[in-house]
Amino acid sequence: MKVPGFLLTIVVAMTVAVVGAASQGPAATSPSVNELLQTARRQVQAGDASAALESLRSARALAPNSEEVLSALAQVALAARMLLPAITTLDTLTRMCPTVSQYHYLLGVALMEAGDMLAAVESLRQADRLEPERPLTLIALGLAQNSRKQYDDARRALIHALDLEPDNVDALAALAEAEAGVGELAPAEDHARRALARSDTHPTANLVMGIVLMKRERYAEARDALSKAIAADPGSSAAHYQLSLAYARLGDEANARKHVEMYQQKLREAEDRMKTLRAATPGERPR
């Protein structure tokens, strides 16, 4: 699953601050660690995530139990969508600092990106228990629960998020997806249209509109909405599947086959990511 950008934007914004804060703390570690943190901060500011990761790995080798170093490493890796180092480092942080909600949240986001929705839900639930009333956590939880077809649970989380942030377009779109999942087409369409009024290329809102329009046998309109969903998120297996159905209903067998094949390819890619993740982190989370 491609994690919505707004869930990762906060990571990018925090990264420079975290690396900077780590470099300015009391000299609990050697000067070499401090110098590496300063270097990583400059590399983050310059947009060179790979170089920053190398600097932070060197700092970790010198200070393997430094929360500041581990936190910076995890956030730089996640912002760059380097999932394995992000997840393994965040696993360590959640064990070292089990009451810090932010680490459970970031781990949940990383697991969503990797496609491990079961583990993502558990991590995000823990983040919500430790720090309730946080809209970002609730939206991420709702998205992960939608992916697992836990639509009633997703609705509760997303309605709560909208109580806290009524104009959040991502929460509106995710709530529409949950409502479509339980067959409540009228509220799903209403929430999807409200999201599209704010962002007409929103992938989830366009996916929901496509699903609703398919149910209403308005196949050409569904095709157009689903095409927009894929343009915004080419990795969406659900959008490719729905679009294949729309083309089939319209008699366009060539495009129907094309999107069935894309759907199957995205499923294989997701399974490959999960195999890689499980091989790298054996026994660390539920299957």
C-alpha atoms as a PDB file:
ATOM      1  CA  MET A   1       0.000   0.000   0.000  1.00  0.00           C
ATOM      2  CA  LYS A   2       1.223   3.451  -0.852  1.00  0.00           C
ATOM      3  CA  VAL A   3       0.883   5.399   2.362  1.00  0.00           C
ATOM      4  CA  PRO A   4      -0.810   8.780   1.787  1.00  0.00           C
ATOM      5  CA  GLY A   5       1.727  11.557   1.657  1.00  0.00           C
ATOM      6  CA  PHE A   6       0.243  13.487   4.562  1.00  0.00           C
ATOM      7  CA  LEU A   7       1.153  10.648   6.950  1.00  0.00           C
ATOM      8  CA  LEU A   8       4.787  10.913   5.855  1.00  0.00           C
ATOM      9  CA  THR A   9       4.972  14.700   5.514  1.00  0.00           C
ATOM     10  CA  ILE A  10       5.125  15.055   9.273  1.00  0.00           C
ATOM     11  CA  VAL A  11       8.057  12.624   9.297  1.00  0.00           C
ATOM     12  CA  VAL A  12       9.984  14.775   6.825  1.00  0.00           C
ATOM     13  CA  ALA A  13       9.186  17.867   8.839  1.00  0.00           C
ATOM     14  CA  MET A  14      10.315  16.250  12.076  1.00  0.00           C
ATOM     15  CA  THR A  15      13.495  14.719  10.726  1.00  0.00           C
ATOM     16  CA  VAL A  16      15.632  17.853  10.618  1.00  0.00           C
ATOM     17  CA  ALA A  17      14.366  18.888  14.033  1.00  0.00           C
ATOM     18  CA  VAL A  18      15.075  15.479  15.549  1.00  0.00           C
ATOM     19  CA  VAL A  19      18.556  15.224  14.076  1.00  0.00           C
ATOM     20  CA  GLY A  20      19.248  18.793  15.116  1.00  0.00           C
ATOM     21  CA  ALA A  21      17.958  18.200  18.632  1.00  0.00           C
ATOM     22  CA  ALA A  22      20.096  15.102  18.978  1.00  0.00           C
ATOM     23  CA  SER A  23      23.213  17.035  17.967  1.00  0.00           C
ATOM     24  CA  GLN A  24      22.587  19.736  20.541  1.00  0.00           C
ATOM     25  CA  GLY A  25      22.001  17.508  23.575  1.00  0.00           C
ATOM     26  CA  PRO A  26      24.395  16.969  26.438  1.00  0.00           C
ATOM     27  CA  ALA A  27      27.600  15.186  25.517  1.00  0.00           C
ATOM     28  CA  ALA A  28      26.480  11.744  26.661  1.00  0.00           C
ATOM     29  CA  THR A  29      28.256  10.187  23.727  1.00  0.00           C
ATOM     30  CA  SER A  30      31.648  10.762  22.113  1.00  0.00           C
ATOM     31  CA  PRO A  31      32.378  13.840  19.964  1.00  0.00           C
ATOM     32  CA  SER A  32      32.473  11.541  16.933  1.00  0.00           C
ATOM     33  CA  VAL A  33      28.784  10.725  17.399  1.00  0.00           C
ATOM     34  CA  ASN A  34      27.992  14.413  17.735  1.00  0.00           C
ATOM     35  CA  GLU A  35      29.888  15.183  14.531  1.00  0.00           C
ATOM     36  CA  LEU A  36      28.050  12.422  12.670  1.00  0.00           C
ATOM     37  CA  LEU A  37      24.701  13.776  13.824  1.00  0.00           C
ATOM     38  CA  GLN A  38      25.650  17.260  12.649  1.00  0.00           C
ATOM     39  CA  THR A  39      26.680  15.828   9.292  1.00  0.00           C
ATOM     40  CA  ALA A  40      23.400  13.901   8.996  1.00  0.00           C
ATOM     41  CA  ARG A  41      21.472  17.062   9.759  1.00  0.00           C
ATOM     42  CA  ARG A  42      23.187  18.908   6.904  1.00  0.00           C
ATOM     43  CA  GLN A  43      22.579  15.964   4.566  1.00  0.00           C
ATOM     44  CA  VAL A  44      18.870  15.874   5.448  1.00  0.00           C
ATOM     45  CA  GLN A  45      18.597  19.599   4.778  1.00  0.00           C
ATOM     46  CA  ALA A  46      20.302  19.074   1.417  1.00  0.00           C
ATOM     47  CA  GLY A  47      17.840  16.306   0.544  1.00  0.00           C
ATOM     48  CA  ASP A  48      20.440  13.520   0.510  1.00  0.00           C
ATOM     49  CA  ALA A  49      18.679  10.829   2.527  1.00  0.00           C
ATOM     50  CA  SER A  50      21.063   8.032   1.526  1.00  0.00           C
ATOM     51  CA  ALA A  51      24.094   9.923   2.771  1.00  0.00           C
ATOM     52  CA  ALA A  52      22.271  10.915   5.972  1.00  0.00           C
ATOM     53  CA  LEU A  53      21.429   7.262   6.611  1.00  0.00           C
ATOM     54  CA  GLU A  54      25.072   6.282   6.251  1.00  0.00           C
ATOM     55  CA  SER A  55      26.095   8.980   8.729  1.00  0.00           C
ATOM     56  CA  LEU A  56      23.426   7.835  11.171  1.00  0.00           C
ATOM     57  CA  ARG A  57      24.396   4.176  10.813  1.00  0.00           C
ATOM     58  CA  SER A  58      27.960   5.170  11.697  1.00  0.00           C
ATOM     59  CA  ALA A  59      26.628   7.070  14.707  1.00  0.00           C
ATOM     60  CA  ARG A  60      24.607   4.018  15.743  1.00  0.00           C
ATOM     61  CA  ALA A  61      27.699   1.826  15.562  1.00  0.00           C
ATOM     62  CA  LEU A  62      29.327   4.135  18.121  1.00  0.00           C
ATOM     63  CA  ALA A  63      26.190   4.627  20.251  1.00  0.00           C
ATOM     64  CA  PRO A  64      23.918   1.619  19.636  1.00  0.00           C
ATOM     65  CA  ASN A  65      21.564   2.428  22.530  1.00  0.00           C
ATOM     66  CA  SER A  66      21.157   6.157  21.880  1.00  0.00           C
ATOM     67  CA  GLU A  67      17.460   6.969  21.539  1.00  0.00           C
ATOM     68  CA  GLU A  68      18.316  10.192  19.713  1.00  0.00           C
ATOM     69  CA  VAL A  69      20.422   8.405  17.110  1.00  0.00           C
ATOM     70  CA  LEU A  70      17.869   5.619  16.635  1.00  0.00           C
ATOM     71  CA  SER A  71      14.972   8.068  16.344  1.00  0.00           C
ATOM     72  CA  ALA A  72      16.781  10.134  13.721  1.00  0.00           C
ATOM     73  CA  LEU A  73      17.778   6.999  11.799  1.00  0.00           C
ATOM     74  CA  ALA A  74      14.222   5.648  11.793  1.00  0.00           C
ATOM     75  CA  GLN A  75      12.672   8.905  10.663  1.00  0.00           C
ATOM     76  CA  VAL A  76      15.179   9.562   7.885  1.00  0.00           C
ATOM     77  CA  ALA A  77      14.683   5.998   6.605  1.00  0.00           C
ATOM     78  CA  LEU A  78      10.889   6.271   6.724  1.00  0.00           C
ATOM     79  CA  ALA A  79      10.822   9.677   5.036  1.00  0.00           C
ATOM     80  CA  ALA A  80      12.931   8.153   2.239  1.00  0.00           C
ATOM     81  CA  ARG A  81      10.621   5.082   2.149  1.00  0.00           C
ATOM     82  CA  MET A  82      13.535   2.807   2.999  1.00  0.00           C
ATOM     83  CA  LEU A  83      11.253   0.446   4.837  1.00  0.00           C
ATOM     84  CA  LEU A  84      13.472  -2.298   6.201  1.00  0.00           C
ATOM     85  CA  PRO A  85      15.850  -0.007   8.115  1.00  0.00           C
ATOM     86  CA  ALA A  86      12.893   2.077   9.258  1.00  0.00           C
ATOM     87  CA  ILE A  87      10.934  -0.919  10.559  1.00  0.00           C
ATOM     88  CA  THR A  88      13.847  -2.680  12.233  1.00  0.00           C
ATOM     89  CA  THR A  89      14.944   0.535  13.944  1.00  0.00           C
ATOM     90  CA  LEU A  90      11.403   1.378  15.058  1.00  0.00           C
ATOM     91  CA  ASP A  91      10.984  -2.156  16.400  1.00  0.00           C
ATOM     92  CA  THR A  92      14.016  -1.475  18.567  1.00  0.00           C
ATOM     93  CA  LEU A  93      12.685   1.903  19.676  1.00  0.00           C
ATOM     94  CA  THR A  94       9.266   0.554  20.659  1.00  0.00           C
ATOM     95  CA  ARG A  95      10.982  -2.033  22.836  1.00  0.00           C
ATOM     96  CA  MET A  96      13.376   0.502  24.357  1.00  0.00           C
ATOM     97  CA  CYS A  97      10.686   3.179  24.869  1.00  0.00           C
ATOM     98  CA  PRO A  98       7.367   1.295  25.043  1.00  0.00           C
ATOM     99  CA  THR A  99       5.397   4.284  26.362  1.00  0.00           C
ATOM    100  CA  VAL A 100       6.372   6.708  23.560  1.00  0.00           C
ATOM    101  CA  SER A 101       3.330   6.909  21.302  1.00  0.00           C
ATOM    102  CA  GLN A 102       5.195   8.461  18.396  1.00  0.00           C
ATOM    103  CA  TYR A 103       7.390   5.407  17.853  1.00  0.00           C
ATOM    104  CA  HIS A 104       4.372   3.092  17.708  1.00  0.00           C
ATOM    105  CA  TYR A 105       2.700   5.500  15.267  1.00  0.00           C
ATOM    106  CA  LEU A 106       5.747   5.650  12.995  1.00  0.00           C
ATOM    107  CA  LEU A 107       6.103   1.862  13.115  1.00  0.00           C
ATOM    108  CA  GLY A 108       2.442   1.537  12.141  1.00  0.00           C
ATOM    109  CA  VAL A 109       2.937   3.879   9.171  1.00  0.00           C
ATOM    110  CA  ALA A 110       6.030   1.958   8.043  1.00  0.00           C
ATOM    111  CA  LEU A 111       4.186  -1.369   8.321  1.00  0.00           C
ATOM    112  CA  MET A 112       1.293   0.037   6.278  1.00  0.00           C
ATOM    113  CA  GLU A 113       3.727   1.044   3.549  1.00  0.00           C
ATOM    114  CA  ALA A 114       5.213  -2.454   3.634  1.00  0.00           C
ATOM    115  CA  GLY A 115       1.746  -4.014   3.420  1.00  0.00           C
ATOM    116  CA  ASP A 116       1.671  -5.694   6.842  1.00  0.00           C
ATOM    117  CA  MET A 117      -1.740  -4.374   7.821  1.00  0.00           C
ATOM    118  CA  LEU A 118      -2.307  -6.770  10.709  1.00  0.00           C
ATOM    119  CA  ALA A 119       0.827  -5.594  12.479  1.00  0.00           C
ATOM    120  CA  ALA A 120       0.141  -1.980  11.465  1.00  0.00           C
ATOM    121  CA  VAL A 121      -3.283  -2.050  13.133  1.00  0.00           C
ATOM    122  CA  GLU A 122      -1.804  -3.387  16.370  1.00  0.00           C
ATOM    123  CA  SER A 123       0.949  -0.768  16.411  1.00  0.00           C
ATOM    124  CA  LEU A 124      -1.451   2.077  15.671  1.00  0.00           C
ATOM    125  CA  ARG A 125      -3.889   0.878  18.327  1.00  0.00           C
ATOM    126  CA  GLN A 126      -1.053   0.977  20.830  1.00  0.00           C
ATOM    127  CA  ALA A 127      -0.156   4.506  19.705  1.00  0.00           C
ATOM    128  CA  ASP A 128      -3.793   5.527  20.200  1.00  0.00           C
ATOM    129  CA  ARG A 129      -3.918   3.984  23.665  1.00  0.00           C
ATOM    130  CA  LEU A 130      -0.775   5.859  24.708  1.00  0.00           C
ATOM    131  CA  GLU A 131      -1.830   9.186  23.177  1.00  0.00           C
ATOM    132  CA  PRO A 132      -5.576   9.369  22.478  1.00  0.00           C
ATOM    133  CA  GLU A 133      -7.294  12.081  20.482  1.00  0.00           C
ATOM    134  CA  ARG A 134      -4.552  12.365  17.867  1.00  0.00           C
ATOM    135  CA  PRO A 135      -6.123  12.716  14.389  1.00  0.00           C
ATOM    136  CA  LEU A 136      -3.110  11.422  12.440  1.00  0.00           C
ATOM    137  CA  THR A 137      -3.083   8.204  14.431  1.00  0.00           C
ATOM    138  CA  LEU A 138      -6.823   7.719  14.029  1.00  0.00           C
ATOM    139  CA  ILE A 139      -6.686   8.322  10.265  1.00  0.00           C
ATOM    140  CA  ALA A 140      -3.779   5.913   9.834  1.00  0.00           C
ATOM    141  CA  LEU A 141      -5.652   3.338  11.927  1.00  0.00           C
ATOM    142  CA  GLY A 142      -8.785   3.775   9.814  1.00  0.00           C
ATOM    143  CA  LEU A 143      -6.809   3.346   6.595  1.00  0.00           C
ATOM    144  CA  ALA A 144      -5.149   0.172   7.877  1.00  0.00           C
ATOM    145  CA  GLN A 145      -8.500  -1.232   9.038  1.00  0.00           C
ATOM    146  CA  ASN A 146     -10.046  -0.449   5.649  1.00  0.00           C
ATOM    147  CA  SER A 147      -7.254  -2.456   4.028  1.00  0.00           C
ATOM    148  CA  ARG A 148      -8.201  -5.387   6.271  1.00  0.00           C
ATOM    149  CA  LYS A 149     -11.906  -4.895   5.483  1.00  0.00           C
ATOM    150  CA  GLN A 150     -12.576  -4.048   9.143  1.00  0.00           C
ATOM    151  CA  TYR A 151     -14.961  -1.369   8.001  1.00  0.00           C
ATOM    152  CA  ASP A 152     -16.966  -0.913  11.205  1.00  0.00           C
ATOM    153  CA  ASP A 153     -13.793  -0.402  13.236  1.00  0.00           C
ATOM    154  CA  ALA A 154     -12.458   1.946  10.554  1.00  0.00           C
ATOM    155  CA  ARG A 155     -15.639   4.025  10.648  1.00  0.00           C
ATOM    156  CA  ARG A 156     -15.347   4.519  14.389  1.00  0.00           C
ATOM    157  CA  ALA A 157     -11.738   5.666  14.141  1.00  0.00           C
ATOM    158  CA  LEU A 158     -12.399   7.962  11.180  1.00  0.00           C
ATOM    159  CA  ILE A 159     -15.549   9.546  12.624  1.00  0.00           C
ATOM    160  CA  HIS A 160     -13.524  10.315  15.751  1.00  0.00           C
ATOM    161  CA  ALA A 161     -10.769  11.824  13.596  1.00  0.00           C
ATOM    162  CA  LEU A 162     -13.336  14.018  11.848  1.00  0.00           C
ATOM    163  CA  ASP A 163     -14.745  15.125  15.187  1.00  0.00           C
ATOM    164  CA  LEU A 164     -11.260  16.445  15.931  1.00  0.00           C
ATOM    165  CA  GLU A 165     -10.511  17.759  12.414  1.00  0.00           C
ATOM    166  CA  PRO A 166     -13.819  18.206  10.536  1.00  0.00           C
ATOM    167  CA  ASP A 167     -12.214  19.405   7.289  1.00  0.00           C
ATOM    168  CA  ASN A 168      -9.572  16.694   6.945  1.00  0.00           C
ATOM    169  CA  VAL A 169      -9.880  15.524   3.334  1.00  0.00           C
ATOM    170  CA  ASP A 170      -8.035  12.241   3.931  1.00  0.00           C
ATOM    171  CA  ALA A 171     -10.334  11.298   6.811  1.00  0.00           C
ATOM    172  CA  LEU A 172     -13.389  12.113   4.661  1.00  0.00           C
ATOM    173  CA  ALA A 173     -12.142   9.916   1.815  1.00  0.00           C
ATOM    174  CA  ALA A 174     -11.218   7.051   4.130  1.00  0.00           C
ATOM    175  CA  LEU A 175     -14.621   7.248   5.835  1.00  0.00           C
ATOM    176  CA  ALA A 176     -16.243   7.074   2.396  1.00  0.00           C
ATOM    177  CA  GLU A 177     -14.251   3.916   1.687  1.00  0.00           C
ATOM    178  CA  ALA A 178     -15.398   2.332   4.949  1.00  0.00           C
ATOM    179  CA  GLU A 179     -19.032   3.216   4.190  1.00  0.00           C
ATOM    180  CA  ALA A 180     -18.762   1.792   0.673  1.00  0.00           C
ATOM    181  CA  GLY A 181     -17.281  -1.340   2.229  1.00  0.00           C
ATOM    182  CA  VAL A 182     -20.450  -1.964   4.245  1.00  0.00           C
ATOM    183  CA  GLY A 183     -22.753  -1.043   1.355  1.00  0.00           C
ATOM    184  CA  GLU A 184     -23.800   2.389   2.615  1.00  0.00           C
ATOM    185  CA  LEU A 185     -23.586   3.992  -0.824  1.00  0.00           C
ATOM    186  CA  ALA A 186     -25.359   7.300  -0.146  1.00  0.00           C
ATOM    187  CA  PRO A 187     -23.117   8.459   2.731  1.00  0.00           C
ATOM    188  CA  ALA A 188     -20.087   7.015   0.910  1.00  0.00           C
ATOM    189  CA  GLU A 189     -20.868   9.124  -2.150  1.00  0.00           C
ATOM    190  CA  ASP A 190     -21.530  12.199  -0.023  1.00  0.00           C
ATOM    191  CA  HIS A 191     -18.214  11.947   1.815  1.00  0.00           C
ATOM    192  CA  ALA A 192     -16.302  11.112  -1.375  1.00  0.00           C
ATOM    193  CA  ARG A 193     -17.783  14.154  -3.153  1.00  0.00           C
ATOM    194  CA  ARG A 194     -16.904  16.367  -0.197  1.00  0.00           C
ATOM    195  CA  ALA A 195     -13.326  15.101  -0.372  1.00  0.00           C
ATOM    196  CA  LEU A 196     -13.187  15.622  -4.142  1.00  0.00           C
ATOM    197  CA  ALA A 197     -14.477  19.170  -3.751  1.00  0.00           C
ATOM    198  CA  ARG A 198     -11.275  19.878  -1.817  1.00  0.00           C
ATOM    199  CA  SER A 199      -8.956  17.657  -3.900  1.00  0.00           C
ATOM    200  CA  ASP A 200     -10.319  16.406  -7.219  1.00  0.00           C
ATOM    201  CA  THR A 201      -7.387  14.011  -7.748  1.00  0.00           C
ATOM    202  CA  HIS A 202      -7.640  12.335  -4.349  1.00  0.00           C
ATOM    203  CA  PRO A 203      -6.999   8.613  -5.018  1.00  0.00           C
ATOM    204  CA  THR A 204      -9.227   7.147  -2.300  1.00  0.00           C
ATOM    205  CA  ALA A 205     -12.122   9.504  -3.003  1.00  0.00           C
ATOM    206  CA  ASN A 206     -11.959   8.696  -6.729  1.00  0.00           C
ATOM    207  CA  LEU A 207     -11.778   4.965  -5.947  1.00  0.00           C
ATOM    208  CA  VAL A 208     -14.910   5.231  -3.812  1.00  0.00           C
ATOM    209  CA  MET A 209     -16.728   7.217  -6.496  1.00  0.00           C
ATOM    210  CA  GLY A 210     -15.780   4.524  -8.996  1.00  0.00           C
ATOM    211  CA  ILE A 211     -17.151   1.807  -6.711  1.00  0.00           C
ATOM    212  CA  VAL A 212     -20.390   3.730  -6.115  1.00  0.00           C
ATOM    213  CA  LEU A 213     -20.861   4.447  -9.829  1.00  0.00           C
ATOM    214  CA  MET A 214     -20.225   0.791 -10.686  1.00  0.00           C
ATOM    215  CA  LYS A 215     -22.979  -0.219  -8.256  1.00  0.00           C
ATOM    216  CA  ARG A 216     -25.281   2.242 -10.032  1.00  0.00           C
ATOM    217  CA  GLU A 217     -24.325   0.851 -13.447  1.00  0.00           C
ATOM    218  CA  ARG A 218     -22.855   4.173 -14.615  1.00  0.00           C
ATOM    219  CA  TYR A 219     -19.849   2.443 -16.082  1.00  0.00           C
ATOM    220  CA  ALA A 220     -18.354   5.220 -18.202  1.00  0.00           C
ATOM    221  CA  GLU A 221     -18.363   7.602 -15.238  1.00  0.00           C
ATOM    222  CA  ALA A 222     -16.924   4.859 -13.034  1.00  0.00           C
ATOM    223  CA  ARG A 223     -14.140   4.292 -15.573  1.00  0.00           C
ATOM    224  CA  ASP A 224     -13.230   7.971 -15.474  1.00  0.00           C
ATOM    225  CA  ALA A 225     -13.174   8.133 -11.660  1.00  0.00           C
ATOM    226  CA  LEU A 226     -11.113   4.944 -11.391  1.00  0.00           C
ATOM    227  CA  SER A 227      -8.665   6.191 -14.012  1.00  0.00           C
ATOM    228  CA  LYS A 228      -8.127   9.278 -11.844  1.00  0.00           C
ATOM    229  CA  ALA A 229      -7.573   7.061  -8.816  1.00  0.00           C
ATOM    230  CA  ILE A 230      -4.869   5.102 -10.647  1.00  0.00           C
ATOM    231  CA  ALA A 231      -3.239   8.260 -12.011  1.00  0.00           C
ATOM    232  CA  ALA A 232      -2.849   9.463  -8.406  1.00  0.00           C
ATOM    233  CA  ASP A 233      -1.859   6.059  -6.990  1.00  0.00           C
ATOM    234  CA  PRO A 234      -0.650   3.638  -9.696  1.00  0.00           C
ATOM    235  CA  GLY A 235       0.035   0.987  -7.067  1.00  0.00           C
ATOM    236  CA  SER A 236      -3.604   0.620  -6.007  1.00  0.00           C
ATOM    237  CA  SER A 237      -4.584  -2.978  -6.695  1.00  0.00           C
ATOM    238  CA  ALA A 238      -8.205  -2.226  -5.754  1.00  0.00           C
ATOM    239  CA  ALA A 239      -8.461   0.566  -8.341  1.00  0.00           C
ATOM    240  CA  HIS A 240      -6.980  -1.651 -11.084  1.00  0.00           C
ATOM    241  CA  TYR A 241      -9.455  -4.416 -10.221  1.00  0.00           C
ATOM    242  CA  GLN A 242     -12.454  -2.089 -10.253  1.00  0.00           C
ATOM    243  CA  LEU A 243     -11.302  -0.465 -13.487  1.00  0.00           C
ATOM    244  CA  SER A 244     -11.012  -3.884 -15.131  1.00  0.00           C
ATOM    245  CA  LEU A 245     -14.671  -4.469 -14.234  1.00  0.00           C
ATOM    246  CA  ALA A 246     -15.686  -1.096 -15.637  1.00  0.00           C
ATOM    247  CA  TYR A 247     -13.936  -1.792 -18.942  1.00  0.00           C
ATOM    248  CA  ALA A 248     -15.520  -5.256 -19.093  1.00  0.00           C
ATOM    249  CA  ARG A 249     -18.992  -3.744 -18.628  1.00  0.00           C
ATOM    250  CA  LEU A 250     -18.201  -1.246 -21.405  1.00  0.00           C
ATOM    251  CA  GLY A 251     -17.145  -4.049 -23.756  1.00  0.00           C
ATOM    252  CA  ASP A 252     -13.485  -3.031 -23.859  1.00  0.00           C
ATOM    253  CA  GLU A 253     -11.912  -6.448 -23.355  1.00  0.00           C
ATOM    254  CA  ALA A 254      -8.349  -5.353 -24.137  1.00  0.00           C
ATOM    255  CA  ASN A 255      -8.297  -2.765 -21.373  1.00  0.00           C
ATOM    256  CA  ALA A 256     -10.184  -5.083 -19.045  1.00  0.00           C
ATOM    257  CA  ARG A 257      -7.425  -7.700 -19.479  1.00  0.00           C
ATOM    258  CA  LYS A 258      -4.718  -5.050 -19.082  1.00  0.00           C
ATOM    259  CA  HIS A 259      -6.038  -3.941 -15.694  1.00  0.00           C
ATOM    260  CA  VAL A 260      -6.667  -7.500 -14.490  1.00  0.00           C
ATOM    261  CA  GLU A 261      -2.995  -8.158 -15.232  1.00  0.00           C
ATOM    262  CA  MET A 262      -1.984  -4.949 -13.410  1.00  0.00           C
ATOM    263  CA  TYR A 263      -4.145  -5.995 -10.449  1.00  0.00           C
ATOM    264  CA  GLN A 264      -2.448  -9.393 -10.322  1.00  0.00           C
ATOM    265  CA  GLN A 265       0.988  -7.792 -10.655  1.00  0.00           C
ATOM    266  CA  LYS A 266       0.301  -5.432  -7.728  1.00  0.00           C
ATOM    267  CA  LEU A 267      -0.802  -8.388  -5.610  1.00  0.00           C
ATOM    268  CA  ARG A 268       2.429 -10.232  -6.437  1.00  0.00           C
ATOM    269  CA  GLU A 269       4.499  -7.155  -5.607  1.00  0.00           C
ATOM    270  CA  ALA A 270       2.718  -6.818  -2.258  1.00  0.00           C
ATOM    271  CA  GLU A 271       3.364 -10.472  -1.466  1.00  0.00           C
ATOM    272  CA  ASP A 272       7.031 -10.081  -2.386  1.00  0.00           C
ATOM    273  CA  ARG A 273       7.337  -7.090  -0.043  1.00  0.00           C
ATOM    274  CA  MET A 274       5.776  -9.098   2.762  1.00  0.00           C
ATOM    275  CA  LYS A 275       8.142 -12.028   2.172  1.00  0.00           C
ATOM    276  CA  THR A 276      11.131  -9.677   2.266  1.00  0.00           C
ATOM    277  CA  LEU A 277       9.874  -8.039   5.458  1.00  0.00           C
ATOM    278  CA  ARG A 278       9.189 -11.360   7.184  1.00  0.00           C
ATOM    279  CA  ALA A 279      12.570 -12.733   6.193  1.00  0.00           C
ATOM    280  CA  ALA A 280      14.293  -9.653   7.615  1.00  0.00           C
ATOM    281  CA  THR A 281      12.257  -9.553  10.846  1.00  0.00           C
ATOM    282  CA  PRO A 282      11.413 -13.173  11.726  1.00  0.00           C
ATOM    283  CA  GLY A 283       9.115 -13.742  14.682  1.00  0.00           C
ATOM    284  CA  GLU A 284       8.815 -10.086  15.653  1.00  0.00           C
ATOM    285  CA  ARG A 285       5.137  -9.505  14.904  1.00  0.00           C
ATOM    286  CA  PRO A 286       1.854 -11.333  14.308  1.00  0.00           C
ATOM    287  CA  ARG A 287       1.242 -12.973  10.929  1.00  0.00           C
END
